[in-house]
Amino acid sequence: MEENCPRCKHCGSANVYGISRVVGFFSKIEDWNNSKKAELKDRKKGNYKISASE
């Protein structure tokens, strides 16, 4: 297994992927071409949480 593989901070699962919201919709970063991934590195980043409603 890859050492740099992203992991869930809660359960440790490797079944995770990055997403980004662009122009009103979400998309998987892993599906982007190299140019779009390079743009992502230049973007301003924030620390956001998604909470499940109970």
PDB file of N, CA and C in Angstrom:
ATOM      1  N   MET A   1       0.847  -1.190   0.000  1.00  0.00           N
ATOM      2  CA  MET A   1       0.000   0.000   0.000  1.00  0.00           C
ATOM      3  C   MET A   1       0.885   1.244   0.000  1.00  0.00           C
ATOM      4  N   GLU A   2       0.474   2.285  -0.690  1.00  0.00           N
ATOM      5  CA  GLU A   2       1.243   3.520  -0.781  1.00  0.00           C
ATOM      6  C   GLU A   2       1.334   4.221   0.552  1.00  0.00           C
ATOM      7  N   GLU A   3       2.521   4.786   0.859  1.00  0.00           N
ATOM      8  CA  GLU A   3       2.696   5.526   2.104  1.00  0.00           C
ATOM      9  C   GLU A   3       1.964   6.863   2.077  1.00  0.00           C
ATOM     10  N   ASN A   4       1.877   7.503   0.910  1.00  0.00           N
ATOM     11  CA  ASN A   4       1.254   8.820   0.792  1.00  0.00           C
ATOM     12  C   ASN A   4      -0.245   8.742   0.514  1.00  0.00           C
ATOM     13  N   CYS A   5      -0.811   7.570   0.630  1.00  0.00           N
ATOM     14  CA  CYS A   5      -2.230   7.382   0.370  1.00  0.00           C
ATOM     15  C   CYS A   5      -3.042   8.166   1.402  1.00  0.00           C
ATOM     16  N   PRO A   6      -4.003   9.010   0.962  1.00  0.00           N
ATOM     17  CA  PRO A   6      -4.814   9.736   1.943  1.00  0.00           C
ATOM     18  C   PRO A   6      -5.645   8.776   2.780  1.00  0.00           C
ATOM     19  N   ARG A   7      -5.843   9.135   4.031  1.00  0.00           N
ATOM     20  CA  ARG A   7      -6.600   8.298   4.964  1.00  0.00           C
ATOM     21  C   ARG A   7      -7.649   9.133   5.674  1.00  0.00           C
ATOM     22  N   CYS A   8      -8.757   8.525   6.017  1.00  0.00           N
ATOM     23  CA  CYS A   8      -9.796   9.154   6.813  1.00  0.00           C
ATOM     24  C   CYS A   8      -9.244   9.424   8.206  1.00  0.00           C
ATOM     25  N   LYS A   9      -9.384  10.657   8.691  1.00  0.00           N
ATOM     26  CA  LYS A   9      -8.893  11.003  10.024  1.00  0.00           C
ATOM     27  C   LYS A   9      -9.728  10.344  11.121  1.00  0.00           C
ATOM     28  N   HIS A  10     -10.944   9.941  10.800  1.00  0.00           N
ATOM     29  CA  HIS A  10     -11.834   9.344  11.798  1.00  0.00           C
ATOM     30  C   HIS A  10     -11.598   7.833  11.952  1.00  0.00           C
ATOM     31  N   CYS A  11     -11.600   7.098  10.821  1.00  0.00           N
ATOM     32  CA  CYS A  11     -11.534   5.639  10.910  1.00  0.00           C
ATOM     33  C   CYS A  11     -10.266   5.032  10.310  1.00  0.00           C
ATOM     34  N   GLY A  12      -9.450   5.838   9.601  1.00  0.00           N
ATOM     35  CA  GLY A  12      -8.220   5.324   9.012  1.00  0.00           C
ATOM     36  C   GLY A  12      -8.386   4.672   7.653  1.00  0.00           C
ATOM     37  N   SER A  13      -9.600   4.664   7.095  1.00  0.00           N
ATOM     38  CA  SER A  13      -9.854   4.038   5.799  1.00  0.00           C
ATOM     39  C   SER A  13      -9.077   4.745   4.684  1.00  0.00           C
ATOM     40  N   ALA A  14      -8.615   3.965   3.716  1.00  0.00           N
ATOM     41  CA  ALA A  14      -7.968   4.521   2.529  1.00  0.00           C
ATOM     42  C   ALA A  14      -8.988   4.760   1.422  1.00  0.00           C
ATOM     43  N   ASN A  15     -10.260   4.486   1.676  1.00  0.00           N
ATOM     44  CA  ASN A  15     -11.323   4.681   0.694  1.00  0.00           C
ATOM     45  C   ASN A  15     -11.807   6.138   0.759  1.00  0.00           C
ATOM     46  N   VAL A  16     -10.915   7.057   0.401  1.00  0.00           N
ATOM     47  CA  VAL A  16     -11.212   8.493   0.439  1.00  0.00           C
ATOM     48  C   VAL A  16     -10.714   9.147  -0.845  1.00  0.00           C
ATOM     49  N   TYR A  17     -11.253  10.303  -1.161  1.00  0.00           N
ATOM     50  CA  TYR A  17     -10.777  11.068  -2.303  1.00  0.00           C
ATOM     51  C   TYR A  17     -11.069  12.539  -2.060  1.00  0.00           C
ATOM     52  N   GLY A  18     -10.298  13.411  -2.722  1.00  0.00           N
ATOM     53  CA  GLY A  18     -10.506  14.849  -2.605  1.00  0.00           C
ATOM     54  C   GLY A  18     -11.614  15.304  -3.530  1.00  0.00           C
ATOM     55  N   ILE A  19     -12.352  16.313  -3.098  1.00  0.00           N
ATOM     56  CA  ILE A  19     -13.351  16.933  -3.962  1.00  0.00           C
ATOM     57  C   ILE A  19     -13.157  18.436  -3.914  1.00  0.00           C
ATOM     58  N   SER A  20     -13.642  19.103  -4.923  1.00  0.00           N
ATOM     59  CA  SER A  20     -13.565  20.553  -4.971  1.00  0.00           C
ATOM     60  C   SER A  20     -14.854  21.094  -5.557  1.00  0.00           C
ATOM     61  N   ARG A  21     -15.270  22.247  -5.069  1.00  0.00           N
ATOM     62  CA  ARG A  21     -16.465  22.895  -5.586  1.00  0.00           C
ATOM     63  C   ARG A  21     -16.019  23.974  -6.570  1.00  0.00           C
ATOM     64  N   VAL A  22     -16.413  23.809  -7.810  1.00  0.00           N
ATOM     65  CA  VAL A  22     -16.047  24.761  -8.856  1.00  0.00           C
ATOM     66  C   VAL A  22     -17.319  25.186  -9.572  1.00  0.00           C
ATOM     67  N   VAL A  23     -17.586  26.466  -9.624  1.00  0.00           N
ATOM     68  CA  VAL A  23     -18.739  27.025 -10.314  1.00  0.00           C
ATOM     69  C   VAL A  23     -20.030  26.288  -9.947  1.00  0.00           C
ATOM     70  N   GLY A  24     -20.211  26.043  -8.657  1.00  0.00           N
ATOM     71  CA  GLY A  24     -21.478  25.510  -8.187  1.00  0.00           C
ATOM     72  C   GLY A  24     -21.659  24.009  -8.208  1.00  0.00           C
ATOM     73  N   PHE A  25     -20.643  23.236  -8.560  1.00  0.00           N
ATOM     74  CA  PHE A  25     -20.801  21.787  -8.511  1.00  0.00           C
ATOM     75  C   PHE A  25     -19.537  21.148  -7.957  1.00  0.00           C
ATOM     76  N   PHE A  26     -19.664  19.960  -7.412  1.00  0.00           N
ATOM     77  CA  PHE A  26     -18.534  19.231  -6.857  1.00  0.00           C
ATOM     78  C   PHE A  26     -18.015  18.227  -7.873  1.00  0.00           C
ATOM     79  N   SER A  27     -16.699  18.008  -7.872  1.00  0.00           N
ATOM     80  CA  SER A  27     -16.117  16.994  -8.746  1.00  0.00           C
ATOM     81  C   SER A  27     -14.913  16.361  -8.061  1.00  0.00           C
ATOM     82  N   LYS A  28     -14.633  15.094  -8.412  1.00  0.00           N
ATOM     83  CA  LYS A  28     -13.488  14.383  -7.847  1.00  0.00           C
ATOM     84  C   LYS A  28     -12.210  14.923  -8.467  1.00  0.00           C
ATOM     85  N   ILE A  29     -11.268  15.294  -7.634  1.00  0.00           N
ATOM     86  CA  ILE A  29      -9.992  15.829  -8.097  1.00  0.00           C
ATOM     87  C   ILE A  29      -9.221  14.773  -8.890  1.00  0.00           C
ATOM     88  N   GLU A  30      -9.336  13.508  -8.491  1.00  0.00           N
ATOM     89  CA  GLU A  30      -8.599  12.446  -9.186  1.00  0.00           C
ATOM     90  C   GLU A  30      -9.004  12.316 -10.655  1.00  0.00           C
ATOM     91  N   ASP A  31     -10.179  12.828 -11.026  1.00  0.00           N
ATOM     92  CA  ASP A  31     -10.635  12.756 -12.414  1.00  0.00           C
ATOM     93  C   ASP A  31     -10.146  13.929 -13.266  1.00  0.00           C
ATOM     94  N   TRP A  32      -9.488  14.905 -12.649  1.00  0.00           N
ATOM     95  CA  TRP A  32      -9.047  16.100 -13.373  1.00  0.00           C
ATOM     96  C   TRP A  32      -7.789  15.825 -14.192  1.00  0.00           C
ATOM     97  N   ASN A  33      -7.604  16.629 -15.254  1.00  0.00           N
ATOM     98  CA  ASN A  33      -6.374  16.525 -16.037  1.00  0.00           C
ATOM     99  C   ASN A  33      -5.246  17.261 -15.288  1.00  0.00           C
ATOM    100  N   ASN A  34      -3.999  17.104 -15.750  1.00  0.00           N
ATOM    101  CA  ASN A  34      -2.839  17.684 -15.059  1.00  0.00           C
ATOM    102  C   ASN A  34      -2.904  19.206 -14.964  1.00  0.00           C
ATOM    103  N   SER A  35      -3.450  19.857 -15.976  1.00  0.00           N
ATOM    104  CA  SER A  35      -3.575  21.320 -15.957  1.00  0.00           C
ATOM    105  C   SER A  35      -4.484  21.796 -14.845  1.00  0.00           C
ATOM    106  N   LYS A  36      -5.634  21.147 -14.712  1.00  0.00           N
ATOM    107  CA  LYS A  36      -6.600  21.526 -13.680  1.00  0.00           C
ATOM    108  C   LYS A  36      -6.023  21.254 -12.296  1.00  0.00           C
ATOM    109  N   LYS A  37      -5.284  20.151 -12.128  1.00  0.00           N
ATOM    110  CA  LYS A  37      -4.648  19.854 -10.843  1.00  0.00           C
ATOM    111  C   LYS A  37      -3.604  20.916 -10.498  1.00  0.00           C
ATOM    112  N   ALA A  38      -2.884  21.425 -11.500  1.00  0.00           N
ATOM    113  CA  ALA A  38      -1.905  22.487 -11.263  1.00  0.00           C
ATOM    114  C   ALA A  38      -2.606  23.772 -10.820  1.00  0.00           C
ATOM    115  N   GLU A  39      -3.759  24.084 -11.409  1.00  0.00           N
ATOM    116  CA  GLU A  39      -4.542  25.250 -10.981  1.00  0.00           C
ATOM    117  C   GLU A  39      -4.948  25.129  -9.518  1.00  0.00           C
ATOM    118  N   LEU A  40      -5.308  23.929  -9.107  1.00  0.00           N
ATOM    119  CA  LEU A  40      -5.746  23.702  -7.727  1.00  0.00           C
ATOM    120  C   LEU A  40      -4.647  24.084  -6.736  1.00  0.00           C
ATOM    121  N   LYS A  41      -3.410  23.791  -7.072  1.00  0.00           N
ATOM    122  CA  LYS A  41      -2.293  24.115  -6.176  1.00  0.00           C
ATOM    123  C   LYS A  41      -2.166  25.617  -5.953  1.00  0.00           C
ATOM    124  N   ASP A  42      -2.608  26.432  -6.909  1.00  0.00           N
ATOM    125  CA  ASP A  42      -2.493  27.889  -6.806  1.00  0.00           C
ATOM    126  C   ASP A  42      -3.685  28.550  -6.113  1.00  0.00           C
ATOM    127  N   ARG A  43      -4.733  27.793  -5.854  1.00  0.00           N
ATOM    128  CA  ARG A  43      -5.942  28.369  -5.256  1.00  0.00           C
ATOM    129  C   ARG A  43      -5.773  28.643  -3.773  1.00  0.00           C
ATOM    130  N   LYS A  44      -6.558  29.588  -3.277  1.00  0.00           N
ATOM    131  CA  LYS A  44      -6.629  29.847  -1.843  1.00  0.00           C
ATOM    132  C   LYS A  44      -7.378  28.689  -1.210  1.00  0.00           C
ATOM    133  N   LYS A  45      -6.910  28.258  -0.071  1.00  0.00           N
ATOM    134  CA  LYS A  45      -7.532  27.125   0.594  1.00  0.00           C
ATOM    135  C   LYS A  45      -8.104  27.553   1.936  1.00  0.00           C
ATOM    136  N   GLY A  46      -9.145  26.880   2.359  1.00  0.00           N
ATOM    137  CA  GLY A  46      -9.758  27.133   3.652  1.00  0.00           C
ATOM    138  C   GLY A  46      -9.873  25.837   4.420  1.00  0.00           C
ATOM    139  N   ASN A  47     -10.267  25.944   5.659  1.00  0.00           N
ATOM    140  CA  ASN A  47     -10.461  24.766   6.490  1.00  0.00           C
ATOM    141  C   ASN A  47     -11.958  24.638   6.751  1.00  0.00           C
ATOM    142  N   TYR A  48     -12.606  23.742   6.041  1.00  0.00           N
ATOM    143  CA  TYR A  48     -14.057  23.604   6.113  1.00  0.00           C
ATOM    144  C   TYR A  48     -14.420  22.242   6.675  1.00  0.00           C
ATOM    145  N   LYS A  49     -15.534  22.170   7.357  1.00  0.00           N
ATOM    146  CA  LYS A  49     -16.027  20.909   7.891  1.00  0.00           C
ATOM    147  C   LYS A  49     -17.388  20.608   7.304  1.00  0.00           C
ATOM    148  N   ILE A  50     -17.641  19.348   7.055  1.00  0.00           N
ATOM    149  CA  ILE A  50     -18.952  18.886   6.638  1.00  0.00           C
ATOM    150  C   ILE A  50     -19.483  18.045   7.793  1.00  0.00           C
ATOM    151  N   SER A  51     -20.595  18.459   8.351  1.00  0.00           N
ATOM    152  CA  SER A  51     -21.132  17.697   9.477  1.00  0.00           C
ATOM    153  C   SER A  51     -22.417  16.997   9.056  1.00  0.00           C
ATOM    154  N   ALA A  52     -22.566  15.793   9.547  1.00  0.00           N
ATOM    155  CA  ALA A  52     -23.770  15.019   9.255  1.00  0.00           C
ATOM    156  C   ALA A  52     -24.876  15.465  10.206  1.00  0.00           C
ATOM    157  N   SER A  53     -26.052  15.669   9.687  1.00  0.00           N
ATOM    158  CA  SER A  53     -27.168  16.032  10.562  1.00  0.00           C
ATOM    159  C   SER A  53     -27.712  14.758  11.195  1.00  0.00           C
ATOM    160  N   GLU A  54     -28.063  14.860  12.436  1.00  0.00           N
ATOM    161  CA  GLU A  54     -28.555  13.671  13.165  1.00  0.00           C
ATOM    162  C   GLU A  54     -30.022  13.777  13.423  1.00  0.00           C
TER     163      GLU A  54
END
